[in-house]
Protein backbone atom coordinates (compact mmCIF):
# COMPACT_ATOMS: atom_id res chain seq x y z
CA MET A 1 -9.68 -12.02 -18.47
CA VAL A 2 -9.79 -11.27 -14.74
CA GLY A 3 -7.42 -13.20 -12.51
CA THR A 4 -4.90 -13.28 -9.67
CA HIS A 5 -1.14 -13.90 -9.74
CA ALA A 6 -2.03 -17.16 -11.51
CA LEU A 7 -2.14 -15.19 -14.77
CA LEU A 8 1.63 -14.74 -14.46
CA HIS A 9 2.14 -18.46 -14.90
CA ASP A 10 -0.37 -18.98 -17.71
CA ASP A 11 1.82 -19.54 -20.75
CA THR A 12 -1.07 -19.70 -23.20
CA GLY A 13 -1.20 -15.91 -23.44
CA ILE A 14 -4.14 -13.80 -24.54
CA GLU A 15 -4.68 -13.17 -28.24
CA ARG A 16 -4.54 -9.53 -29.31
CA LEU A 17 -3.76 -8.33 -25.77
CA GLY A 18 -3.98 -4.54 -25.82
CA LEU A 19 -4.47 -3.53 -22.19
CA VAL A 20 -3.11 -4.79 -18.86
CA VAL A 21 -4.71 -3.41 -15.68
CA ILE A 22 -2.86 -4.23 -12.46
CA ASP A 23 -4.85 -3.47 -9.32
CA GLU A 24 -3.21 -3.24 -5.89
CA GLN A 25 0.08 -2.66 -7.72
CA HIS A 26 2.12 -2.71 -4.51
CA LYS A 27 1.29 -6.43 -4.17
CA PHE A 28 3.24 -7.29 -7.34
CA GLY A 29 7.00 -7.40 -7.73
CA VAL A 30 8.83 -5.63 -10.55
CA LEU A 31 9.48 -8.86 -12.47
CA GLN A 32 5.88 -10.01 -11.99
CA ARG A 33 4.53 -6.81 -13.51
CA ALA A 34 7.04 -7.08 -16.37
CA ARG A 35 5.92 -10.64 -17.07
CA LEU A 36 2.33 -9.51 -17.51
CA ARG A 37 3.43 -6.79 -19.93
CA GLN A 38 5.48 -9.28 -21.97
CA LYS A 39 2.41 -11.33 -22.87
CA ALA A 40 1.98 -9.07 -25.90
CA VAL A 41 3.91 -6.52 -27.95
CA ALA A 42 3.75 -3.20 -26.09
CA PRO A 43 0.26 -3.37 -24.52
CA ASP A 44 -1.04 -0.31 -22.71
CA VAL A 45 -0.55 -0.73 -18.95
CA LEU A 46 -2.59 0.83 -16.14
CA VAL A 47 -1.40 0.24 -12.56
CA MET A 48 -3.62 1.21 -9.65
CA THR A 49 -2.86 1.61 -5.96
CA ALA A 50 -3.77 3.77 -2.99
CA THR A 51 -0.11 4.06 -2.03
CA PRO A 52 2.56 3.68 -4.74
CA ILE A 53 5.70 1.80 -3.75
CA PRO A 54 8.84 4.03 -3.69
CA ARG A 55 10.11 2.77 -7.07
CA THR A 56 6.80 3.53 -8.80
CA LEU A 57 6.64 7.01 -7.32
CA ALA A 58 10.21 7.63 -8.46
CA MET A 59 9.38 6.45 -11.99
CA SER A 60 6.42 8.84 -11.99
CA LEU A 61 8.69 11.72 -10.99
CA PHE A 62 11.28 10.80 -13.64
CA GLY A 63 8.60 10.74 -16.34
CA ASP A 64 8.45 7.01 -17.04
CA LEU A 65 4.82 6.85 -15.88
CA ASP A 66 1.94 9.25 -16.35
CA VAL A 67 -0.17 9.78 -13.24
CA SER A 68 -3.90 10.26 -12.79
CA GLU A 69 -4.97 10.92 -9.21
CA ILE A 70 -8.45 10.38 -7.78
CA ASP A 71 -8.46 12.76 -4.83
CA GLU A 72 -12.00 12.27 -3.53
CA LEU A 73 -13.79 9.44 -1.75
CA PRO A 74 -16.79 7.57 -3.16
CA PRO A 75 -20.13 9.06 -2.03
CA GLY A 76 -21.49 7.94 1.32
CA ARG A 77 -18.14 7.42 3.04
CA GLY A 78 -17.68 8.63 6.62
CA PRO A 79 -14.61 10.46 7.95
CA VAL A 80 -11.64 8.56 9.42
CA GLN A 81 -9.67 9.96 12.34
CA THR A 82 -6.19 8.53 12.92
CA VAL A 83 -4.27 8.81 16.20
CA VAL A 84 -0.81 7.52 17.19
CA ARG A 85 -0.33 6.39 20.78
CA GLU A 86 2.43 4.73 22.78
CA HIS A 87 1.94 1.21 24.11
CA GLU A 88 1.00 2.39 27.62
CA LYS A 89 -2.33 3.58 26.19
CA LEU A 90 -3.53 0.05 25.35
CA ALA A 91 -6.07 -0.04 28.20
CA GLU A 92 -7.62 3.24 27.07
CA ALA A 93 -7.65 2.05 23.46
CA ALA A 94 -9.37 -1.20 24.48
CA GLU A 95 -12.03 0.76 26.36
CA PHE A 96 -12.58 2.92 23.29
CA VAL A 97 -13.00 -0.18 21.12
CA ARG A 98 -15.47 -1.68 23.58
CA ALA A 99 -17.53 1.54 23.63
CA ARG A 100 -17.81 1.55 19.83
CA LEU A 101 -18.81 -2.11 19.78
CA ALA A 102 -21.50 -1.35 22.37
CA ARG A 103 -23.01 1.04 19.81
CA GLY A 104 -23.30 -1.80 17.31
CA ARG A 105 -20.16 -1.09 15.32
CA GLN A 106 -17.35 -3.60 14.55
CA ALA A 107 -13.55 -3.50 14.81
CA TYR A 108 -10.32 -4.88 13.34
CA ILE A 109 -7.38 -5.50 15.69
CA VAL A 110 -4.19 -6.14 13.73
CA TYR A 111 -0.84 -7.68 14.68
CA PRO A 112 2.40 -8.10 12.68
CA VAL A 113 2.88 -11.85 13.33
CA ILE A 114 0.70 -14.93 13.93
CA ASP A 115 2.45 -16.38 16.98
CA ALA A 116 5.14 -15.26 19.42
CA ALA A 117 7.56 -17.96 18.29
CA ALA A 118 8.15 -16.01 15.07
CA ARG A 119 9.39 -12.82 16.79
CA ALA A 120 9.47 -12.94 20.58
CA GLU A 121 9.62 -9.14 20.90
CA LEU A 122 6.38 -8.65 18.95
CA LYS A 123 2.82 -9.15 20.02
CA ALA A 124 1.18 -11.98 18.10
CA ALA A 125 -2.36 -12.41 16.84
CA ALA A 126 -2.91 -15.94 18.18
CA ALA A 127 -1.92 -15.05 21.75
CA GLU A 128 -3.64 -11.65 21.78
CA PHE A 129 -6.86 -13.24 20.51
CA GLN A 130 -7.32 -14.78 23.96
CA GLN A 131 -6.70 -11.41 25.63
CA TRP A 132 -9.23 -9.62 23.45
CA SER A 133 -11.83 -12.35 23.93
CA ALA A 134 -11.58 -11.68 27.68
CA ARG A 135 -11.54 -7.88 27.34
CA LEU A 136 -14.61 -7.75 25.08
CA ALA A 137 -16.68 -10.58 26.59
CA PRO A 138 -19.53 -11.40 26.10
CA LEU A 139 -19.12 -9.99 22.57
CA ALA A 140 -17.84 -12.48 19.98
CA VAL A 141 -14.22 -12.13 18.83
CA GLY A 142 -12.80 -13.89 15.75
CA LEU A 143 -9.25 -14.80 14.71
CA LEU A 144 -8.01 -14.56 11.13
CA HIS A 145 -4.56 -15.29 9.69
CA GLY A 146 -2.89 -16.92 6.72
CA ARG A 147 -2.35 -20.32 8.31
CA LEU A 148 -6.04 -21.04 8.66
CA ALA A 149 -7.56 -23.44 6.16
CA PRO A 150 -9.36 -21.57 3.33
CA GLU A 151 -12.77 -22.79 4.43
CA GLU A 152 -12.10 -21.63 8.02
CA ARG A 153 -10.97 -18.19 6.80
CA GLU A 154 -14.13 -17.86 4.74
CA ARG A 155 -16.28 -18.96 7.69
CA VAL A 156 -14.72 -16.32 9.97
CA LEU A 157 -15.10 -13.59 7.35
CA SER A 158 -18.72 -14.56 6.67
CA GLU A 159 -19.48 -14.36 10.40
CA PHE A 160 -17.80 -10.95 10.57
CA ARG A 161 -19.65 -9.62 7.52
CA ALA A 162 -22.93 -10.82 9.00
CA GLY A 163 -22.21 -9.01 12.28
CA ARG A 164 -22.09 -12.16 14.39
CA ILE A 165 -18.42 -11.43 15.18
CA ALA A 166 -17.93 -7.98 16.74
CA ALA A 167 -14.13 -7.76 16.62
CA LEU A 168 -11.69 -9.48 14.29
CA VAL A 169 -8.14 -10.12 15.58
CA SER A 170 -6.01 -10.51 12.48
CA THR A 171 -2.70 -10.24 10.69
CA THR A 172 -2.33 -8.25 7.47
CA VAL A 173 -4.47 -10.74 5.51
CA ILE A 174 -7.25 -8.14 5.77
CA GLU A 175 -5.15 -5.55 3.91
CA VAL A 176 -7.09 -5.72 0.64
CA GLY A 177 -10.36 -7.10 -0.66
CA ILE A 178 -12.52 -6.88 2.48
CA ASP A 179 -15.49 -4.52 2.56
CA VAL A 180 -17.51 -4.35 5.81
CA PRO A 181 -19.14 -0.89 6.07
CA ASN A 182 -20.13 -1.48 9.70
CA ALA A 183 -16.46 -1.88 10.75
CA THR A 184 -15.44 1.55 12.04
CA VAL A 185 -12.43 0.91 14.30
CA LEU A 186 -8.95 -0.26 13.33
CA LEU A 187 -6.42 -0.82 16.11
CA VAL A 188 -2.87 -1.77 15.09
CA GLU A 189 -0.37 -2.93 17.73
CA ASN A 190 3.38 -2.74 17.07
CA ALA A 191 2.45 -0.24 14.37
CA GLU A 192 6.12 0.74 13.99
CA ARG A 193 6.72 -2.68 12.40
CA PHE A 194 4.57 -1.77 9.40
CA GLY A 195 5.44 0.48 6.47
CA LEU A 196 3.46 3.69 6.07
CA ALA A 197 1.98 2.47 2.81
CA GLN A 198 0.85 -0.80 4.41
CA LEU A 199 -0.75 1.04 7.33
CA HIS A 200 -2.59 3.27 4.87
CA GLN A 201 -3.87 0.17 3.09
CA LEU A 202 -5.02 -1.33 6.39
CA ARG A 203 -6.73 1.94 7.24
CA GLY A 204 -8.72 1.52 4.04
CA ARG A 205 -10.69 -1.29 5.73
CA ILE A 206 -12.61 1.30 7.78
CA GLY A 207 -14.49 4.41 6.74
CA ARG A 208 -16.38 2.41 4.13
CA GLY A 209 -19.81 3.31 5.51
CA SER A 210 -21.52 6.50 6.62
CA HIS A 211 -20.39 6.27 10.29
CA ALA A 212 -17.32 8.09 11.58
CA SER A 213 -14.33 5.75 11.84
CA HIS A 214 -11.24 5.66 14.03
CA CYS A 215 -7.74 4.28 13.39
CA ILE A 216 -5.52 3.79 16.47
CA LEU A 217 -1.82 3.09 15.88
CA LEU A 218 -0.09 1.77 19.01
CA ALA A 219 3.71 1.80 18.99
CA GLY A 220 5.49 -1.01 20.83
CA GLU A 221 7.86 -0.72 23.77
CA GLY A 222 11.06 1.13 22.92
CA ALA A 223 9.61 2.47 19.69
CA GLU A 224 9.41 6.11 20.72
CA GLU A 225 11.53 7.21 17.76
CA SER A 226 9.05 5.61 15.35
CA VAL A 227 6.13 7.64 16.67
CA GLU A 228 7.06 10.72 14.63
CA ARG A 229 7.19 8.66 11.44
CA LEU A 230 3.71 7.29 12.17
CA ARG A 231 2.33 10.79 12.70
CA VAL A 232 2.35 11.27 8.92
CA LEU A 233 -0.80 9.15 8.96
CA GLU A 234 -2.40 11.50 11.48
CA ARG A 235 -1.86 14.42 9.14
CA THR A 236 -3.07 13.05 5.83
CA ARG A 237 -5.06 10.42 3.94
CA ASP A 238 -3.38 11.39 0.66
CA GLY A 239 -1.74 8.22 -0.66
CA PHE A 240 0.83 10.14 -2.72
CA GLU A 241 1.91 12.23 0.27
CA ILE A 242 2.29 9.06 2.34
CA ALA A 243 4.18 7.40 -0.50
CA ALA A 244 6.48 10.41 -0.74
CA GLU A 245 7.36 10.01 2.95
CA ASP A 246 7.94 6.31 2.37
CA LEU A 247 10.18 7.29 -0.55
CA ARG A 248 12.15 9.67 1.67
CA LEU A 249 12.64 7.01 4.33
CA ARG A 250 13.23 3.93 2.18
CA GLY A 251 14.74 5.26 -1.04
CA ALA A 252 13.49 4.75 -4.57
CA GLY A 253 15.07 1.47 -5.60
CA ASP A 254 16.74 0.65 -8.90
CA LEU A 255 14.83 2.21 -11.80
CA LEU A 256 16.43 -0.15 -14.34
CA GLY A 257 16.55 -3.20 -12.08
CA THR A 258 14.22 -4.98 -9.70
CA ALA A 259 14.79 -3.41 -6.28
CA GLN A 260 11.57 -1.69 -5.19
CA SER A 261 13.25 0.44 -2.53
CA GLY A 262 16.76 1.60 -1.70
CA LEU A 263 18.93 4.54 -2.65
CA PRO A 264 19.04 5.49 -6.34
CA PRO A 265 22.35 6.45 -8.02
CA LEU A 266 21.65 10.19 -8.07
CA ARG A 267 24.57 12.50 -7.33
CA ILE A 268 22.76 15.82 -7.09
CA GLY A 269 18.99 15.51 -7.38
CA ASP A 270 16.65 14.45 -4.59
CA LEU A 271 13.43 12.75 -5.63
CA VAL A 272 11.36 14.30 -2.87
CA ARG A 273 12.95 17.73 -2.55
CA ASP A 274 13.24 18.28 -6.31
CA ALA A 275 9.91 16.77 -7.39
CA ALA A 276 8.62 20.09 -8.78
CA LEU A 277 11.82 20.64 -10.78
CA MET A 278 11.63 17.11 -12.19
CA GLY A 279 8.02 17.75 -13.18
CA ARG A 280 9.09 20.85 -15.13
CA ALA A 281 11.89 18.88 -16.81
CA LYS A 282 9.42 16.14 -17.76
CA ASP A 283 7.05 18.70 -19.34
CA LEU A 284 9.91 20.35 -21.25
CA ALA A 285 11.12 16.98 -22.56
CA LYS A 286 7.61 16.07 -23.69
CA GLY A 287 7.31 19.41 -25.47
CA ILE A 288 10.56 18.86 -27.38
CA LEU A 289 9.61 15.30 -28.40
CA THR A 290 6.14 16.40 -29.51
CA VAL A 291 7.60 18.94 -31.94
CA ASP A 292 10.70 16.92 -32.91
CA PRO A 293 10.16 13.22 -32.05
CA GLY A 294 13.34 12.09 -33.81
CA LEU A 295 15.46 14.89 -32.31
CA GLU A 296 16.56 15.74 -35.85
CA ARG A 297 16.52 19.52 -35.61
CA PRO A 298 20.02 21.02 -35.28
CA GLU A 299 19.26 22.52 -31.87
CA ASN A 300 18.12 19.11 -30.54
CA GLN A 301 20.71 16.74 -32.02
CA HIS A 302 22.99 17.08 -28.99
CA LEU A 303 20.20 15.49 -26.92
CA ARG A 304 20.07 12.26 -28.95
CA PRO A 305 22.89 10.44 -27.12
CA LEU A 306 21.18 11.24 -23.82
CA VAL A 307 18.02 9.49 -25.00
CA VAL A 308 19.29 6.66 -27.18
CA GLU A 309 22.03 5.32 -24.92
CA PRO A 310 19.89 4.86 -21.78
CA MET A 311 17.18 3.20 -23.92
CA THR A 312 19.74 0.76 -25.33
CA LEU A 313 20.96 0.01 -21.81
CA GLU A 314 17.44 -0.69 -20.56
CA LEU A 315 16.69 -3.01 -23.49
CA SER A 316 19.90 -4.97 -22.96
CA ARG A 317 19.15 -5.43 -19.27
CA THR A 318 15.60 -6.54 -20.03
CA ALA A 319 16.91 -9.09 -22.53
């Protein structure tokens, strides 16, 4: 069965459920993912994402999750160059966008809010749509956000896919599920208002064809301190490296609870600094449990309270 979040609320269940695959894992909360797993007795679970949320990365480091990493792009994908600029560079960025559109390419222009009434200090998609329509005239510019009626959203996306709209001014509704290989430019204003993982997801909308692509992250006024954080995206397209920086900045969350970010109750260890050491500990623990799964050997019996008591605690909290 393939579905959306609606599967969470389907109480009929699936007979003989053996495997749960959760795509775009960062779009699901902890309790939502747990609810899917509880539709059967201990199904295998595969979660997939380009950028793990801090809690998931922490669970991977602690050994709760095994990790498989796909570190290469599908064939036929072009390179993506990412640059971070301060807000004074908007005119230059707009000229760059226009030049790419003149070559027949398309662009996404992303804002953090729909209208200025929501956050007066932020640029808003609805207002900036008028500005971009003037800047890029006579090329067609479209507007996309979550308040549009479903049929209007689909109409705008269809026009964009068909190439009749050259530039799409949008909120983060384009973050997943949109594949337009001819779109090669992503410009994000107020980029400091987005998490690194979310910006990496947005960047995934370009570079889907053979043409070179360009991601421009414009920081807002007074956001000079945020520029260094954004430069992580200039350096790498590795989702795990970006997630590790997100983990360093936001914390790992509660591994036994539901918080997906925040500071964990560690007194000595550091999830980012000590990742290699934790990996060694994980391998050693696996080796011991492979040889002595019940920890019954004399040399391993002192480890049993360390394993059994946390497991009991986790089960009681789940209940």
